[in-house]
C-alpha atoms as a PDB file:
ATOM      1  CA  UNK A   1       0.000   0.000   0.000  1.00  0.00           C
ATOM      2  CA  UNK A   2       1.359   3.407  -0.840  1.00  0.00           C
ATOM      3  CA  UNK A   3       2.171   6.059   1.735  1.00  0.00           C
ATOM      4  CA  UNK A   4      -0.634   8.256   0.460  1.00  0.00           C
ATOM      5  CA  UNK A   5      -3.254   5.520   0.885  1.00  0.00           C
ATOM      6  CA  UNK A   6      -2.027   4.761   4.397  1.00  0.00           C
ATOM      7  CA  UNK A   7      -2.376   8.423   5.378  1.00  0.00           C
ATOM      8  CA  UNK A   8      -5.869   8.498   3.917  1.00  0.00           C
ATOM      9  CA  UNK A   9      -6.882   5.480   6.008  1.00  0.00           C
ATOM     10  CA  UNK A  10      -5.460   6.978   9.201  1.00  0.00           C
ATOM     11  CA  UNK A  11      -7.528  10.144   8.798  1.00  0.00           C
ATOM     12  CA  UNK A  12     -10.667   8.287   7.688  1.00  0.00           C
ATOM     13  CA  UNK A  13     -13.741   8.540   9.898  1.00  0.00           C
ATOM     14  CA  UNK A  14     -16.655   6.208   9.195  1.00  0.00           C
ATOM     15  CA  UNK A  15     -20.105   7.585   8.492  1.00  0.00           C
ATOM     16  CA  UNK A  16     -21.457   6.256  11.789  1.00  0.00           C
ATOM     17  CA  UNK A  17     -18.565   7.810  13.724  1.00  0.00           C
ATOM     18  CA  UNK A  18     -19.049  11.135  11.963  1.00  0.00           C
ATOM     19  CA  UNK A  19     -22.776  11.072  12.750  1.00  0.00           C
ATOM     20  CA  UNK A  20     -22.011  10.312  16.406  1.00  0.00           C
ATOM     21  CA  UNK A  21     -19.576  13.220  16.594  1.00  0.00           C
ATOM     22  CA  UNK A  22     -22.140  15.581  15.071  1.00  0.00           C
ATOM     23  CA  UNK A  23     -24.817  14.366  17.501  1.00  0.00           C
ATOM     24  CA  UNK A  24     -22.517  14.913  20.464  1.00  0.00           C
ATOM     25  CA  UNK A  25     -21.574  18.380  19.219  1.00  0.00           C
ATOM     26  CA  UNK A  26     -25.249  19.309  18.808  1.00  0.00           C
ATOM     27  CA  UNK A  27     -26.038  18.004  22.317  1.00  0.00           C
ATOM     28  CA  UNK A  28     -23.211  20.090  23.801  1.00  0.00           C
ATOM     29  CA  UNK A  29     -24.465  23.190  21.992  1.00  0.00           C
ATOM     30  CA  UNK A  30     -28.048  22.609  23.142  1.00  0.00           C
ATOM     31  CA  UNK A  31     -26.909  22.020  26.717  1.00  0.00           C
ATOM     32  CA  UNK A  32     -24.960  25.295  26.629  1.00  0.00           C
ATOM     33  CA  UNK A  33     -27.932  27.190  25.202  1.00  0.00           C
ATOM     34  CA  UNK A  34     -30.401  25.794  27.769  1.00  0.00           C
ATOM     35  CA  UNK A  35     -27.954  26.451  30.600  1.00  0.00           C
ATOM     36  CA  UNK A  36     -27.641  30.055  29.447  1.00  0.00           C
ATOM     37  CA  UNK A  37     -31.425  30.421  29.315  1.00  0.00           C
ATOM     38  CA  UNK A  38     -31.795  28.933  32.806  1.00  0.00           C
ATOM     39  CA  UNK A  39     -29.131  31.277  34.161  1.00  0.00           C
ATOM     40  CA  UNK A  40     -30.815  34.301  32.572  1.00  0.00           C
ATOM     41  CA  UNK A  41     -34.200  33.326  34.028  1.00  0.00           C
ATOM     42  CA  UNK A  42     -32.680  32.758  37.467  1.00  0.00           C
ATOM     43  CA  UNK A  43     -30.933  36.125  37.454  1.00  0.00           C
ATOM     44  CA  UNK A  44     -34.130  37.806  36.231  1.00  0.00           C
ATOM     45  CA  UNK A  45     -36.198  36.285  39.020  1.00  0.00           C
ATOM     46  CA  UNK A  46     -33.590  37.279  41.602  1.00  0.00           C
ATOM     47  CA  UNK A  47     -33.467  40.839  40.282  1.00  0.00           C
ATOM     48  CA  UNK A  48     -37.261  41.094  40.490  1.00  0.00           C
ATOM     49  CA  UNK A  49     -37.546  39.422  43.898  1.00  0.00           C
ATOM     50  CA  UNK A  50     -34.670  41.279  45.577  1.00  0.00           C
ATOM     51  CA  UNK A  51     -36.460  44.662  45.944  1.00  0.00           C
ATOM     52  CA  UNK A  52     -39.591  42.885  47.236  1.00  0.00           C
ATOM     53  CA  UNK A  53     -37.473  41.169  49.886  1.00  0.00           C
ATOM     54  CA  UNK A  54     -36.023  44.492  51.035  1.00  0.00           C
ATOM     55  CA  UNK A  55     -39.461  46.169  51.106  1.00  0.00           C
ATOM     56  CA  UNK A  56     -41.040  43.314  53.043  1.00  0.00           C
ATOM     57  CA  UNK A  57     -38.177  43.308  55.536  1.00  0.00           C
ATOM     58  CA  UNK A  58     -38.456  47.077  56.140  1.00  0.00           C
ATOM     59  CA  UNK A  59     -42.254  46.930  56.448  1.00  0.00           C
ATOM     60  CA  UNK A  60     -41.979  44.030  58.899  1.00  0.00           C
ATOM     61  CA  UNK A  61     -39.499  46.033  60.944  1.00  0.00           C
ATOM     62  CA  UNK A  62     -41.795  49.078  60.969  1.00  0.00           C
ATOM     63  CA  UNK A  63     -44.761  46.914  62.003  1.00  0.00           C
ATOM     64  CA  UNK A  64     -42.655  45.464  64.802  1.00  0.00           C
ATOM     65  CA  UNK A  65     -41.705  48.957  65.968  1.00  0.00           C
ATOM     66  CA  UNK A  66     -45.350  50.056  65.952  1.00  0.00           C
ATOM     67  CA  UNK A  67     -46.364  47.000  67.969  1.00  0.00           C
ATOM     68  CA  UNK A  68     -43.663  47.636  70.543  1.00  0.00           C
ATOM     69  CA  UNK A  69     -44.735  51.289  70.863  1.00  0.00           C
ATOM     70  CA  UNK A  70     -48.369  50.302  71.400  1.00  0.00           C
ATOM     71  CA  UNK A  71     -47.561  47.728  74.093  1.00  0.00           C
ATOM     72  CA  UNK A  72     -45.190  50.050  75.931  1.00  0.00           C
ATOM     73  CA  UNK A  73     -47.896  52.681  76.482  1.00  0.00           C
END
């Protein structure tokens, strides 16, 4: 067998192997895309919920202060 044919056989990838590689590449890309979407949703929910958490904490503190003032009278 000539040197050129041997090099061609070394670099040869079967059709099934090529299909498997493409499938795996597509799965990795989809996983990356869905992970990015999940991260964006999580950060969006946190950014919306964070001000509500601060407001509820301050209103709870003011209610607690009002209750203490009423009972101390």
